[in-house]
């Protein structure tokens, strides 16, 4: 069995051996392995386009064949072509599906497994998927196709984290929701759904000031990025926070928290935030 890691540094574990970096015979053989693990079977012409960014050498078919031969030897020096994990068919190559485990495929399976489940049952596979993707895809590789694939899985990870955070909040786990949504916001600071979850999680934890700070950050990120205001739903959550403190006590929109000793009453401090929040509510 070949365990292939694409999140982080490309790595293969097989027969108690760990292969990485130059172990695959160079950049091009390494990229062939990554492409086959990520995309499944590929024709030689497709590999050529990916490997040379549409600018292949004149003898590219023979060159691809020589790279595959080298890669087969590096993966298992004793295997014949017939016994290799890299199979040949339809003018191209593929990895024998019953002999490999790929972390990206497992990520996709876990995300798919959460579809249609209740929040409580969807949360475990989503958090497991997020754990698998804790590092960027093929972090040490440089190529156009790598950049595109990395961006795609970065977006998928963001959505997975936000879905997991929403389920965690719905099942009474605000700390977990906060951790998941905060990680999503590191990836995509203008994802408003994440800020709404952060606000709601802080409210559930009784930290009204942190919830208001999250709204202010959301508003600034949206203004600086896409140039829009928070949605009606996010503004409604914000006004709910203004109307009541963590214990449910009604609070006037213009109220302020008494300044801590030596703390200036200004936006961004615990003392000045409610006043700033009242200004934002106008």
Foldseek 3Di string as FASTA:
>chain_A
DWEFEFQDFTWIADPNDIDGDCLQPDDLLSVVVVCQLVPFKDAQVVSQCFSPVNDHDPPSSVVNVVSVVSRQCSVPVPDDQVRTQWDDDDRTIHGNVVVYDYLVVLLVVLQVVLPPDALVVNQVSLVVSLVSNVGFGNVPDDGPVSVVVRVVVLVVSLVSLLSNLVSCVVVPNLVSSLVSLVVSCVSPVQPLSSLLSNLSSCLSVQNLLSSLVSQVSNQVCCCVPVNDGDDPVSLVSLVVSQQAHSVRHGHDQQDFDPDDVPDDQDDPDNGPRSNVSSVVND
